[in-house]
Structures are given as C-alpha cells and as structure tokens.
Amino acid sequence: MQHSQTHLRTRPISAGHLRAFEAVARHLNFRAAAEEMALTQSAVSRQIQSLEEEVGVPLFLRHTRAVELTSAGAQLLMAVSQSLPRIDGAVRQIRQSAGRRAVALTTFASFASMWLIPRLEQFQRDNPDIDIRIDASDNTLDLEVADVDLALRYGPMATMPAQAVRMFGEQLTPVVSPRLLKGRALAKPSDVAEFALIEAGDAHQTHLEWLTWRRWFDEHGLSKLQPKRWLYFNYAYQMVQAALTGRAWCSRACRWWPRAWPMATCWSRCRSCGWTRPWRTGWSWARAAQRPEIRAFCEWLMLQSRITRQVIGEVPDPDTVDYID
C-alpha cells in the first residue's frame, strides 16, 4: 500500500486536473468553474478530488457555501497561473506558424484611426500573405502571455517597459475650424473664452495634465479664465471631428494627424496662440525574433516612424536619443 501511494504521488499531474484547479481557485466556486469549463459541477469536483489524491494533501477547504485555498493550494496556484498561459501561448504560436501568417497588435483607438490604419495599406500591398488583427485597447498587457504580438502605447518613455522602442513625439497646438472664426477677430489668447472648448474627459489624470486647457491658461497668465462652455470626449478623433464641424476649439491637435484628417486649413489660423510641446509615444513587442512576419511588421513600423519624425521636424534630445534610429 505504501508503494502504491509513493508511486501515485510522483507521477506527472494531469493537465486537465490543473485547468479545473485553476478555474476553481480563481472563482472560489465549483459551480462557476464548471460553467466556465462547460462541465458538470460533479465532474469538476471529481477532478479536484483526483488532483488532491495525486498531490497528497488537500488543496481547498470546503465550507457550506464557499471554498478556500489551503496553503498548499495557494502554492500550486502560483505555479499553475504562470505555467498554463505560457503553454497556451506556445501552442498558439505553433498553430499560427502552421497556418496563415498573422500579426496581432493592440493600440489605442485614436492612434489606430488617425495614424496606423491610413498607412496600413502600404504594408498589405508589400506583404499580401500577412494578416493583420488590430485590438483597439490601451489596457496594460503582459505580451508574454497575451494573445497579441505587439503593443503600441502612448506615454512618456519612463512609463514604458524595458524592451519598448520609441516611435516619435508629437507637436501640439490648439486648433479651430475657420468657419468658427469667420467674422471674429482673434487678437490675444484670452479671446478663446468666447468659444466652447473641447477637452478629453480623462485629461486631468496625472500623466495627461499637460494636455488640458487649464495648463495652457496658466502658461498664458489666464488662470481664472473660463470659456463659454466645455465639451468633453473620450477619444481624440471625436475631439477632432467636433473641431472640424466648427463647433469649438480643440485643445490637442497632433502634427502627425493631417495625413488622416483635413485640418491643414485651420492649422495656420490657430498656431498664433503659440502652444506646441513635444510628447513621447512608445511601442514594444515580444517574440519578434521567433516569427518573420512580426519582424517584417516591426521594420515597417520603424520606417513609418522615421518618416513621421521627419515630417514633424522632430530632432533627437538627450532623453530619447538612444531610442531614435
């Protein structure tokens, strides 16, 4: 009997049991785990019982209406939570390499609409056998386990992961449709108070504070100025659309937008207010060396970034020179 128990506890653990364990540990509920796995609750319960027999100790404390991880269960969960996503990622890569070539990337919606998508046709013409999937999101991701190959993110390089590569900065200035200024004189910065002003709804977060109209007011000695009214939007392209319709001033127009948006006519009318400032956009990738289609897309991104830097007249500075090719 002793020999049977020793043999039982040294053989490999069933992967199916580990998936059931991870689901129950995550939900702390057998029924919820069973629904997620499309199994019956009794089937999941049997898998957990079998796993506990194989491990040799209880993994859960079973209460009347809840379950709780034991210390052994918590130890196993830490290993399983790291291992299963990596296994799934490796399988996903194998499947991709065996089928159609594809690159999956994630970036925020405004950048996808106003910079990436207008340029993407060129990459597709040059690489007709590579499929592209874009996830318009700015959530923080672990590229080692996420179902994406590249993440393009907006922010200062100090907030980017170690493997991030800088694409380019941006030059910002207030803009307005010429239709809104028709018949009105714009002699000094305080004249913008006669108009509605557009601002991002989340602009007052710490890392976006410098994008706000309030920051611009302070820099021009107008700390107490209030506009006719405010318009708030969640996405930058919504702000641009509102400005183009002649409804209000837009607080942030990036110099890399004009390729995708017809803003050239209002650009020169507004730069007299003198608001320009550089910002940094970072992008990073994982597993690039393992798949040639990702390498091809990264090389294309670097080329497009170099062109954009030339268009906006960006020059290297001491903080970012190591990231500029």
Protein backbone atom coordinates (compact mmCIF):
# COMPACT_ATOMS: atom_id res chain seq x y z
CA MET A 1 0.00 0.00 0.00
CA GLN A 2 2.85 2.34 0.88
CA HIS A 3 4.48 1.62 -2.50
CA SER A 4 1.21 2.44 -4.29
CA GLN A 5 0.95 5.83 -2.53
CA THR A 6 4.56 6.71 -3.33
CA HIS A 7 4.07 5.79 -6.97
CA LEU A 8 0.86 7.78 -7.09
CA ARG A 9 2.45 10.96 -5.74
CA THR A 10 5.48 11.00 -8.05
CA ARG A 11 3.79 10.51 -11.40
CA PRO A 12 3.02 13.54 -13.64
CA ILE A 13 -0.11 15.55 -12.83
CA SER A 14 -2.94 15.55 -15.37
CA ALA A 15 -3.14 18.86 -17.27
CA GLY A 16 -6.93 18.62 -17.25
CA HIS A 17 -6.93 18.46 -13.47
CA LEU A 18 -4.71 21.55 -13.31
CA ARG A 19 -7.10 23.54 -15.51
CA ALA A 20 -10.01 22.57 -13.29
CA PHE A 21 -7.97 23.51 -10.22
CA GLU A 22 -7.06 26.91 -11.69
CA ALA A 23 -10.71 27.67 -12.54
CA VAL A 24 -11.98 26.73 -9.08
CA ALA A 25 -9.15 28.65 -7.38
CA ARG A 26 -9.90 31.73 -9.46
CA HIS A 27 -13.65 31.67 -8.81
CA LEU A 28 -13.50 30.01 -5.38
CA ASN A 29 -16.68 28.34 -6.54
CA PHE A 30 -17.17 24.90 -8.08
CA ARG A 31 -20.32 25.84 -9.95
CA ALA A 32 -18.80 28.93 -11.60
CA ALA A 33 -15.72 26.92 -12.59
CA ALA A 34 -17.91 24.19 -14.06
CA GLU A 35 -19.89 26.71 -16.13
CA GLU A 36 -16.69 28.25 -17.46
CA MET A 37 -15.30 24.83 -18.47
CA ALA A 38 -18.65 23.59 -19.85
CA LEU A 39 -18.59 20.65 -17.44
CA THR A 40 -20.92 19.48 -14.71
CA GLN A 41 -20.16 20.54 -11.18
CA SER A 42 -19.70 16.93 -10.14
CA ALA A 43 -17.15 16.39 -12.94
CA VAL A 44 -15.09 19.35 -11.74
CA SER A 45 -15.38 18.15 -8.15
CA ARG A 46 -14.07 14.71 -9.16
CA GLN A 47 -11.12 16.29 -10.99
CA ILE A 48 -10.19 18.32 -7.91
CA GLN A 49 -10.53 15.27 -5.70
CA SER A 50 -8.30 13.25 -8.03
CA LEU A 51 -5.73 16.07 -8.07
CA GLU A 52 -5.68 16.22 -4.28
CA GLU A 53 -5.14 12.48 -4.17
CA GLU A 54 -2.25 12.79 -6.62
CA VAL A 55 -0.67 15.72 -4.75
CA GLY A 56 -1.23 14.04 -1.41
CA VAL A 57 -2.72 16.99 0.52
CA PRO A 58 -5.97 18.97 0.44
CA LEU A 59 -5.94 21.99 -1.87
CA PHE A 60 -9.23 23.51 -0.76
CA LEU A 61 -11.09 23.94 2.50
CA ARG A 62 -14.72 23.20 1.71
CA HIS A 63 -17.24 25.27 3.65
CA THR A 64 -21.02 25.14 3.42
CA ARG A 65 -21.35 27.87 0.80
CA ALA A 66 -17.78 28.61 -0.22
CA VAL A 67 -14.36 27.10 -0.75
CA GLU A 68 -10.99 28.42 0.38
CA LEU A 69 -7.48 27.64 -0.78
CA THR A 70 -5.18 25.88 1.63
CA SER A 71 -1.55 26.97 1.86
CA ALA A 72 -0.65 24.08 -0.45
CA GLY A 73 -3.38 25.16 -2.85
CA ALA A 74 -2.05 28.73 -2.90
CA GLN A 75 1.45 27.43 -3.62
CA LEU A 76 0.21 25.30 -6.50
CA LEU A 77 -1.94 28.13 -7.89
CA MET A 78 1.09 30.40 -8.15
CA ALA A 79 2.88 27.85 -10.34
CA VAL A 80 -0.20 26.95 -12.39
CA SER A 81 -1.12 30.60 -13.04
CA GLN A 82 2.30 31.17 -14.59
CA SER A 83 2.61 27.88 -16.46
CA LEU A 84 -0.75 27.41 -18.18
CA PRO A 85 -0.75 30.80 -20.02
CA ARG A 86 2.78 30.10 -21.29
CA ILE A 87 1.73 26.68 -22.52
CA ASP A 88 -1.29 28.19 -24.26
CA GLY A 89 0.95 30.85 -25.80
CA ALA A 90 3.37 28.27 -27.14
CA VAL A 91 0.51 26.24 -28.63
CA ARG A 92 -0.93 29.38 -30.20
CA GLN A 93 2.40 30.19 -31.82
CA ILE A 94 2.71 26.66 -33.17
CA ARG A 95 -0.77 26.85 -34.65
CA GLN A 96 -0.05 30.23 -36.22
CA SER A 97 3.19 29.05 -37.77
CA ALA A 98 1.40 26.04 -39.23
CA GLY A 99 -1.38 28.11 -40.79
CA ARG A 100 -1.75 31.60 -42.20
CA ARG A 101 0.85 34.18 -41.20
CA ALA A 102 -0.65 36.87 -38.99
CA VAL A 103 0.35 39.73 -36.72
CA ALA A 104 -1.89 40.74 -33.82
CA LEU A 105 -1.35 44.16 -32.29
CA THR A 106 -3.06 46.36 -29.75
CA THR A 107 -3.14 50.14 -29.70
CA PHE A 108 -5.47 52.90 -28.57
CA ALA A 109 -8.38 53.70 -30.86
CA SER A 110 -7.39 57.24 -31.88
CA PHE A 111 -3.88 56.22 -32.88
CA ALA A 112 -5.23 53.29 -34.89
CA SER A 113 -7.73 55.53 -36.70
CA MET A 114 -5.54 58.55 -37.37
CA TRP A 115 -2.04 57.15 -37.86
CA LEU A 116 -1.85 53.38 -38.25
CA ILE A 117 -4.80 52.49 -40.49
CA PRO A 118 -4.18 55.22 -43.13
CA ARG A 119 -0.67 53.80 -43.60
CA LEU A 120 -1.54 50.11 -43.33
CA GLU A 121 -2.49 49.65 -46.98
CA GLN A 122 1.15 50.05 -47.99
CA PHE A 123 2.24 47.22 -45.68
CA GLN A 124 -0.53 44.98 -47.01
CA ARG A 125 0.49 45.67 -50.60
CA ASP A 126 4.08 44.75 -49.81
CA ASN A 127 3.12 41.75 -47.66
CA PRO A 128 -0.09 40.29 -49.12
CA ASP A 129 0.34 36.98 -47.29
CA ILE A 130 0.35 38.51 -43.78
CA ASP A 131 -2.96 39.05 -41.99
CA ILE A 132 -3.26 41.92 -39.50
CA ARG A 133 -5.51 41.97 -36.44
CA ILE A 134 -5.88 45.24 -34.51
CA ASP A 135 -7.30 45.35 -30.99
CA ALA A 136 -8.25 48.96 -30.17
CA SER A 137 -7.40 48.97 -26.48
CA ASP A 138 -4.99 50.71 -24.12
CA ASN A 139 -5.12 48.17 -21.30
CA THR A 140 -1.85 47.09 -19.72
CA LEU A 141 -0.81 43.70 -21.09
CA ASP A 142 1.86 41.09 -20.48
CA LEU A 143 2.98 40.31 -24.02
CA GLU A 144 4.47 37.02 -22.90
CA VAL A 145 1.02 35.60 -22.22
CA ALA A 146 -1.41 37.95 -24.04
CA ASP A 147 -2.98 37.00 -27.35
CA VAL A 148 -1.15 39.82 -29.17
CA ASP A 149 2.29 40.22 -30.68
CA LEU A 150 2.80 43.98 -30.43
CA ALA A 151 1.55 46.73 -28.13
CA LEU A 152 1.61 50.38 -29.22
CA ARG A 153 1.12 52.72 -26.30
CA TYR A 154 1.05 56.49 -25.65
CA GLY A 155 3.07 57.96 -22.82
CA PRO A 156 6.50 59.05 -21.58
CA MET A 157 9.31 56.55 -22.03
CA ALA A 158 9.77 56.38 -18.24
CA THR A 159 6.45 54.50 -18.04
CA MET A 160 7.29 52.04 -20.82
CA PRO A 161 8.72 48.54 -20.28
CA ALA A 162 12.43 47.95 -20.70
CA GLN A 163 12.06 46.46 -24.19
CA ALA A 164 9.96 49.36 -25.52
CA VAL A 165 11.18 51.25 -28.58
CA ARG A 166 10.23 54.88 -29.08
CA MET A 167 8.37 55.74 -32.28
CA PHE A 168 8.07 59.54 -32.26
CA GLY A 169 6.85 62.50 -30.28
CA GLU A 170 4.09 64.88 -31.17
CA GLN A 171 3.72 68.62 -31.54
CA LEU A 172 0.51 70.03 -30.07
CA THR A 173 -1.37 73.23 -30.77
CA PRO A 174 -4.97 74.46 -30.28
CA VAL A 175 -6.98 74.32 -33.48
CA VAL A 176 -10.34 75.52 -34.69
CA SER A 177 -12.30 75.37 -37.90
CA PRO A 178 -12.04 78.63 -39.93
CA ARG A 179 -15.85 78.60 -40.04
CA LEU A 180 -15.99 79.25 -36.31
CA LEU A 181 -13.65 82.25 -36.61
CA LYS A 182 -15.46 83.76 -39.57
CA GLY A 183 -16.17 87.41 -38.84
CA ARG A 184 -14.42 87.30 -35.47
CA ALA A 185 -11.05 88.73 -34.51
CA LEU A 186 -8.60 86.60 -32.57
CA ALA A 187 -6.16 89.18 -31.21
CA LYS A 188 -4.99 87.62 -27.94
CA PRO A 189 -5.09 84.24 -26.12
CA SER A 190 -7.91 85.33 -23.80
CA ASP A 191 -10.21 85.63 -26.83
CA VAL A 192 -10.70 81.84 -26.78
CA ALA A 193 -13.03 82.41 -23.80
CA GLU A 194 -15.68 83.49 -26.32
CA PHE A 195 -15.88 79.94 -27.66
CA ALA A 196 -16.68 76.44 -26.46
CA LEU A 197 -13.53 74.47 -25.71
CA ILE A 198 -13.03 70.76 -26.33
CA GLU A 199 -11.10 68.61 -23.91
CA ALA A 200 -10.51 64.94 -23.21
CA GLY A 201 -12.66 63.62 -20.40
CA ASP A 202 -9.65 61.95 -18.76
CA ALA A 203 -7.17 64.78 -19.42
CA HIS A 204 -6.86 65.60 -15.73
CA GLN A 205 -5.17 62.30 -14.97
CA THR A 206 -1.60 62.88 -13.79
CA HIS A 207 0.17 61.84 -16.99
CA LEU A 208 -2.20 63.83 -19.24
CA GLU A 209 -2.49 67.01 -17.19
CA TRP A 210 -0.28 68.95 -19.56
CA LEU A 211 -2.83 68.40 -22.36
CA THR A 212 -5.51 70.41 -20.59
CA TRP A 213 -6.72 73.88 -21.45
CA ARG A 214 -6.15 74.80 -17.82
CA ARG A 215 -2.42 74.21 -18.28
CA TRP A 216 -2.48 76.44 -21.36
CA PHE A 217 -4.38 79.14 -19.48
CA ASP A 218 -1.83 79.09 -16.65
CA GLU A 219 1.08 79.40 -19.10
CA HIS A 220 -0.56 82.49 -20.63
CA GLY A 221 -1.40 84.15 -17.32
CA LEU A 222 -5.10 83.33 -17.61
CA SER A 223 -5.56 81.11 -14.55
CA LYS A 224 -9.08 82.44 -13.83
CA LEU A 225 -10.36 82.33 -17.40
CA GLN A 226 -13.50 80.32 -18.08
CA PRO A 227 -14.77 79.52 -21.60
CA LYS A 228 -18.27 79.90 -22.90
CA ARG A 229 -18.78 76.18 -22.25
CA TRP A 230 -16.91 72.86 -22.25
CA LEU A 231 -17.25 69.81 -24.48
CA TYR A 232 -15.71 66.56 -23.22
CA PHE A 233 -14.97 63.44 -25.29
CA ASN A 234 -13.42 60.07 -24.55
CA TYR A 235 -11.46 59.74 -27.79
CA ALA A 236 -9.13 62.12 -29.59
CA TYR A 237 -10.71 61.51 -33.00
CA GLN A 238 -14.08 62.57 -31.56
CA MET A 239 -12.46 65.83 -30.44
CA VAL A 240 -11.06 66.39 -33.92
CA GLN A 241 -14.40 65.69 -35.57
CA ALA A 242 -16.10 68.19 -33.27
CA ALA A 243 -13.49 70.84 -34.14
CA LEU A 244 -13.85 70.19 -37.86
CA THR A 245 -17.60 70.77 -37.69
CA GLY A 246 -16.91 74.29 -36.43
CA ARG A 247 -18.43 73.76 -33.01
CA ALA A 248 -15.49 74.55 -30.75
CA TRP A 249 -11.74 74.84 -30.25
CA CYS A 250 -9.82 71.61 -29.89
CA SER A 251 -7.18 71.52 -27.18
CA ARG A 252 -4.87 68.96 -28.75
CA ALA A 253 -4.04 68.69 -32.43
CA CYS A 254 -1.03 66.49 -33.15
CA ARG A 255 1.17 67.33 -36.09
CA TRP A 256 1.01 63.70 -37.22
CA TRP A 257 -2.79 63.91 -37.71
CA PRO A 258 -3.08 65.85 -41.01
CA ARG A 259 -2.37 62.79 -43.13
CA ALA A 260 -5.62 61.28 -41.91
CA TRP A 261 -7.64 64.42 -41.13
CA PRO A 262 -8.24 67.56 -43.30
CA MET A 263 -7.06 70.05 -40.70
CA ALA A 264 -4.46 71.99 -42.69
CA THR A 265 -6.80 74.96 -43.25
CA CYS A 266 -7.38 75.53 -39.55
CA TRP A 267 -3.80 74.79 -38.54
CA SER A 268 -2.28 78.14 -39.57
CA ARG A 269 -5.20 80.07 -38.11
CA CYS A 270 -4.52 78.78 -34.63
CA ARG A 271 -0.77 78.43 -34.25
CA SER A 272 -0.55 82.13 -33.39
CA CYS A 273 -1.60 81.22 -29.87
CA GLY A 274 1.76 79.51 -29.54
CA TRP A 275 1.05 76.16 -27.91
CA THR A 276 3.50 73.50 -29.02
CA ARG A 277 5.13 70.88 -26.87
CA PRO A 278 6.81 67.52 -27.53
CA TRP A 279 5.43 64.26 -26.18
CA ARG A 280 6.66 60.72 -26.45
CA THR A 281 4.89 57.68 -27.80
CA GLY A 282 6.34 54.25 -27.04
CA TRP A 283 5.82 50.87 -28.61
CA SER A 284 7.12 47.46 -27.69
CA TRP A 285 6.97 43.93 -28.98
CA ALA A 286 7.55 40.36 -27.84
CA ARG A 287 8.65 37.21 -29.64
CA ALA A 288 9.72 39.26 -32.67
CA ALA A 289 12.79 37.11 -33.26
CA GLN A 290 10.71 33.95 -33.49
CA ARG A 291 8.35 34.86 -36.32
CA PRO A 292 9.41 36.57 -39.53
CA GLU A 293 6.04 38.27 -40.06
CA ILE A 294 6.44 40.16 -36.77
CA ARG A 295 9.95 41.20 -37.73
CA ALA A 296 8.63 42.47 -41.08
CA PHE A 297 5.89 44.48 -39.39
CA CYS A 298 8.31 45.94 -36.84
CA GLU A 299 10.69 47.01 -39.60
CA TRP A 300 7.78 48.67 -41.42
CA LEU A 301 6.72 50.47 -38.22
CA MET A 302 10.25 51.76 -37.73
CA LEU A 303 10.29 53.10 -41.28
CA GLN A 304 6.92 54.81 -40.85
CA SER A 305 8.06 56.27 -37.53
CA ARG A 306 11.21 57.67 -39.13
CA ILE A 307 9.13 59.30 -41.86
CA THR A 308 6.78 60.80 -39.27
CA ARG A 309 9.68 62.22 -37.28
CA GLN A 310 10.96 63.87 -40.44
CA VAL A 311 7.53 65.29 -41.28
CA ILE A 312 7.04 66.87 -37.85
CA GLY A 313 10.64 68.11 -37.75
CA GLU A 314 11.48 66.20 -34.62
CA VAL A 315 15.12 66.23 -33.55
CA PRO A 316 16.73 63.88 -31.02
CA ASP A 317 17.08 65.13 -27.47
CA PRO A 318 19.31 63.80 -24.66
CA ASP A 319 16.43 61.93 -23.04
CA THR A 320 15.48 59.93 -26.10
CA VAL A 321 18.50 59.82 -28.38
CA ASP A 322 19.09 56.14 -27.63
CA TYR A 323 15.63 55.29 -28.97
CA ILE A 324 15.88 57.14 -32.28
CA ASP A 325 17.33 55.28 -35.26
